[in-house]
Amino acid sequence: MKWAFLAVIKLYWKVFPENKRRSCLFKETCSHYVYRHTIEQGFFSGVNALKLRLKKCRKGYQLYSGRQGFEMKLADGSIINEEEISPNILNPIHRQVQLIIEQVQITNDFLQTSDTKT
């Protein structure tokens, strides 16, 4: 059963290439997570890993700034840290934060220049 389950995952990868799938919340995609668990711990562990990921996935996650970077509260209420969050989600946010920081620096520079002239 283990090898049949792994074959279904490989078929999924071929039929739905990564660039055609919706963006995953996790750095390690769900299919890779389930595949790894199945290889390392067997069929039943793989099925349990699939159930776990399906409970956590989508349906109203919340991304917020935590103690050590961004954190994400998942649909089941669990929280993952920035290292586990997909770059597809974090990169646009990091770009926005960088733009805001640059704007604040420009404003501060302008205000300091204005103060020294008066």
C-alpha atoms as a PDB file:
ATOM      1  CA  MET A   1       0.000   0.000   0.000  1.00  0.00           C
ATOM      2  CA  LYS A   2       2.903   2.316   0.768  1.00  0.00           C
ATOM      3  CA  TRP A   3       4.201   2.176  -2.803  1.00  0.00           C
ATOM      4  CA  ALA A   4       0.734   2.688  -4.280  1.00  0.00           C
ATOM      5  CA  PHE A   5       0.249   5.760  -2.094  1.00  0.00           C
ATOM      6  CA  LEU A   6       3.645   7.130  -3.167  1.00  0.00           C
ATOM      7  CA  ALA A   7       2.743   6.448  -6.804  1.00  0.00           C
ATOM      8  CA  VAL A   8      -0.469   8.469  -6.416  1.00  0.00           C
ATOM      9  CA  ILE A   9       1.553  11.392  -5.028  1.00  0.00           C
ATOM     10  CA  LYS A  10       4.045  11.162  -7.921  1.00  0.00           C
ATOM     11  CA  LEU A  11       1.140  11.058 -10.376  1.00  0.00           C
ATOM     12  CA  TYR A  12      -0.283  14.174  -8.717  1.00  0.00           C
ATOM     13  CA  TRP A  13       3.081  15.919  -9.238  1.00  0.00           C
ATOM     14  CA  LYS A  14       3.073  14.987 -12.932  1.00  0.00           C
ATOM     15  CA  VAL A  15      -0.577  15.844 -13.620  1.00  0.00           C
ATOM     16  CA  PHE A  16      -0.475  19.078 -11.586  1.00  0.00           C
ATOM     17  CA  PRO A  17       2.997  20.611 -11.886  1.00  0.00           C
ATOM     18  CA  GLU A  18       3.992  23.000  -9.112  1.00  0.00           C
ATOM     19  CA  ASN A  19       3.464  26.090 -11.270  1.00  0.00           C
ATOM     20  CA  LYS A  20      -0.160  25.012 -11.942  1.00  0.00           C
ATOM     21  CA  ARG A  21      -1.118  24.385  -8.303  1.00  0.00           C
ATOM     22  CA  ARG A  22      -2.333  27.031  -5.915  1.00  0.00           C
ATOM     23  CA  SER A  23       0.276  28.401  -3.566  1.00  0.00           C
ATOM     24  CA  CYS A  24       0.907  26.311  -0.456  1.00  0.00           C
ATOM     25  CA  LEU A  25       0.883  27.899   3.005  1.00  0.00           C
ATOM     26  CA  PHE A  26       3.852  25.814   4.085  1.00  0.00           C
ATOM     27  CA  LYS A  27       7.478  25.977   3.016  1.00  0.00           C
ATOM     28  CA  GLU A  28       7.410  22.187   2.589  1.00  0.00           C
ATOM     29  CA  THR A  29       4.369  21.619   0.399  1.00  0.00           C
ATOM     30  CA  CYS A  30       1.687  19.258   1.641  1.00  0.00           C
ATOM     31  CA  SER A  31       2.404  16.628  -0.992  1.00  0.00           C
ATOM     32  CA  HIS A  32       6.139  16.652  -0.204  1.00  0.00           C
ATOM     33  CA  TYR A  33       5.385  16.518   3.525  1.00  0.00           C
ATOM     34  CA  VAL A  34       3.099  13.504   3.060  1.00  0.00           C
ATOM     35  CA  TYR A  35       5.551  11.829   0.670  1.00  0.00           C
ATOM     36  CA  ARG A  36       8.427  12.263   3.153  1.00  0.00           C
ATOM     37  CA  HIS A  37       6.369  10.892   6.059  1.00  0.00           C
ATOM     38  CA  THR A  38       5.286   7.919   3.978  1.00  0.00           C
ATOM     39  CA  ILE A  39       8.870   7.116   2.927  1.00  0.00           C
ATOM     40  CA  GLU A  40      10.266   7.533   6.447  1.00  0.00           C
ATOM     41  CA  GLN A  41       7.480   6.063   8.581  1.00  0.00           C
ATOM     42  CA  GLY A  42       5.185   4.065   6.331  1.00  0.00           C
ATOM     43  CA  PHE A  43       1.745   4.148   4.788  1.00  0.00           C
ATOM     44  CA  PHE A  44      -0.331   4.862   7.902  1.00  0.00           C
ATOM     45  CA  SER A  45       1.962   7.692   8.975  1.00  0.00           C
ATOM     46  CA  GLY A  46       1.621   9.154   5.481  1.00  0.00           C
ATOM     47  CA  VAL A  47      -2.170   8.986   5.632  1.00  0.00           C
ATOM     48  CA  ASN A  48      -2.116  10.618   9.086  1.00  0.00           C
ATOM     49  CA  ALA A  49       0.229  13.330   7.771  1.00  0.00           C
ATOM     50  CA  LEU A  50      -2.253  13.978   4.947  1.00  0.00           C
ATOM     51  CA  LYS A  51      -5.162  14.259   7.405  1.00  0.00           C
ATOM     52  CA  LEU A  52      -3.147  16.617   9.611  1.00  0.00           C
ATOM     53  CA  ARG A  53      -2.227  18.912   6.735  1.00  0.00           C
ATOM     54  CA  LEU A  54      -5.798  18.983   5.402  1.00  0.00           C
ATOM     55  CA  LYS A  55      -7.042  20.111   8.833  1.00  0.00           C
ATOM     56  CA  LYS A  56      -4.478  22.916   8.954  1.00  0.00           C
ATOM     57  CA  CYS A  57      -4.762  24.112   5.376  1.00  0.00           C
ATOM     58  CA  ARG A  58      -6.680  27.164   4.084  1.00  0.00           C
ATOM     59  CA  LYS A  59     -10.077  28.264   5.380  1.00  0.00           C
ATOM     60  CA  GLY A  60      -9.078  31.480   7.090  1.00  0.00           C
ATOM     61  CA  TYR A  61      -5.486  31.493   8.188  1.00  0.00           C
ATOM     62  CA  GLN A  62      -4.174  34.673   9.834  1.00  0.00           C
ATOM     63  CA  LEU A  63      -0.701  36.073   9.226  1.00  0.00           C
ATOM     64  CA  TYR A  64       0.666  38.451  11.825  1.00  0.00           C
ATOM     65  CA  SER A  65       3.899  39.818  13.222  1.00  0.00           C
ATOM     66  CA  GLY A  66       5.000  37.733  16.188  1.00  0.00           C
ATOM     67  CA  ARG A  67       7.855  37.805  18.672  1.00  0.00           C
ATOM     68  CA  GLN A  68      10.425  36.523  16.200  1.00  0.00           C
ATOM     69  CA  GLY A  69       9.168  37.540  12.769  1.00  0.00           C
ATOM     70  CA  PHE A  70       5.918  36.595  11.126  1.00  0.00           C
ATOM     71  CA  GLU A  71       3.669  33.855  12.466  1.00  0.00           C
ATOM     72  CA  MET A  72       0.632  32.220  10.938  1.00  0.00           C
ATOM     73  CA  LYS A  73      -2.417  30.963  12.790  1.00  0.00           C
ATOM     74  CA  LEU A  74      -3.850  28.078  10.807  1.00  0.00           C
ATOM     75  CA  ALA A  75      -7.425  26.898  10.344  1.00  0.00           C
ATOM     76  CA  ASP A  76      -7.107  24.400  13.204  1.00  0.00           C
ATOM     77  CA  GLY A  77      -5.800  27.093  15.595  1.00  0.00           C
ATOM     78  CA  SER A  78      -2.164  25.946  15.556  1.00  0.00           C
ATOM     79  CA  ILE A  79       0.575  28.490  14.954  1.00  0.00           C
ATOM     80  CA  ILE A  80       3.596  28.110  12.688  1.00  0.00           C
ATOM     81  CA  ASN A  81       6.635  30.376  12.673  1.00  0.00           C
ATOM     82  CA  GLU A  82       8.225  32.209   9.777  1.00  0.00           C
ATOM     83  CA  GLU A  83      10.628  29.363   8.954  1.00  0.00           C
ATOM     84  CA  GLU A  84       7.674  27.091   8.141  1.00  0.00           C
ATOM     85  CA  ILE A  85       5.676  29.595   6.063  1.00  0.00           C
ATOM     86  CA  SER A  86       5.944  29.419   2.290  1.00  0.00           C
ATOM     87  CA  PRO A  87       8.100  32.081   0.614  1.00  0.00           C
ATOM     88  CA  ASN A  88       5.207  32.559  -1.848  1.00  0.00           C
ATOM     89  CA  ILE A  89       3.276  34.142   1.006  1.00  0.00           C
ATOM     90  CA  LEU A  90       6.108  35.915   2.823  1.00  0.00           C
ATOM     91  CA  ASN A  91       8.062  37.458  -0.064  1.00  0.00           C
ATOM     92  CA  PRO A  92       5.350  39.934  -1.142  1.00  0.00           C
ATOM     93  CA  ILE A  93       4.892  40.968   2.492  1.00  0.00           C
ATOM     94  CA  HIS A  94       8.634  41.434   2.982  1.00  0.00           C
ATOM     95  CA  ARG A  95       8.703  43.629  -0.148  1.00  0.00           C
ATOM     96  CA  GLN A  96       5.844  45.761   1.218  1.00  0.00           C
ATOM     97  CA  VAL A  97       7.570  46.132   4.595  1.00  0.00           C
ATOM     98  CA  GLN A  98      10.800  47.154   2.839  1.00  0.00           C
ATOM     99  CA  LEU A  99       8.933  49.802   0.816  1.00  0.00           C
ATOM    100  CA  ILE A 100       7.364  51.204   3.982  1.00  0.00           C
ATOM    101  CA  ILE A 101      10.763  51.346   5.703  1.00  0.00           C
ATOM    102  CA  GLU A 102      12.239  53.170   2.711  1.00  0.00           C
ATOM    103  CA  GLN A 103       9.364  55.669   2.717  1.00  0.00           C
ATOM    104  CA  VAL A 104       9.823  56.330   6.431  1.00  0.00           C
ATOM    105  CA  GLN A 105      13.554  56.879   5.911  1.00  0.00           C
ATOM    106  CA  ILE A 106      12.906  59.325   3.052  1.00  0.00           C
ATOM    107  CA  THR A 107      10.392  61.209   5.196  1.00  0.00           C
ATOM    108  CA  ASN A 108      12.800  61.341   8.153  1.00  0.00           C
ATOM    109  CA  ASP A 109      15.623  62.570   5.922  1.00  0.00           C
ATOM    110  CA  PHE A 110      13.361  65.270   4.517  1.00  0.00           C
ATOM    111  CA  LEU A 111      12.244  66.371   7.977  1.00  0.00           C
ATOM    112  CA  GLN A 112      15.825  66.486   9.267  1.00  0.00           C
ATOM    113  CA  THR A 113      16.896  68.554   6.259  1.00  0.00           C
ATOM    114  CA  SER A 114      13.955  70.939   6.821  1.00  0.00           C
ATOM    115  CA  ASP A 115      14.840  71.352  10.522  1.00  0.00           C
ATOM    116  CA  THR A 116      18.459  72.259   9.819  1.00  0.00           C
ATOM    117  CA  LYS A 117      17.413  75.010   7.331  1.00  0.00           C
ATOM    118  CA  THR A 118      15.213  76.803   9.854  1.00  0.00           C
END
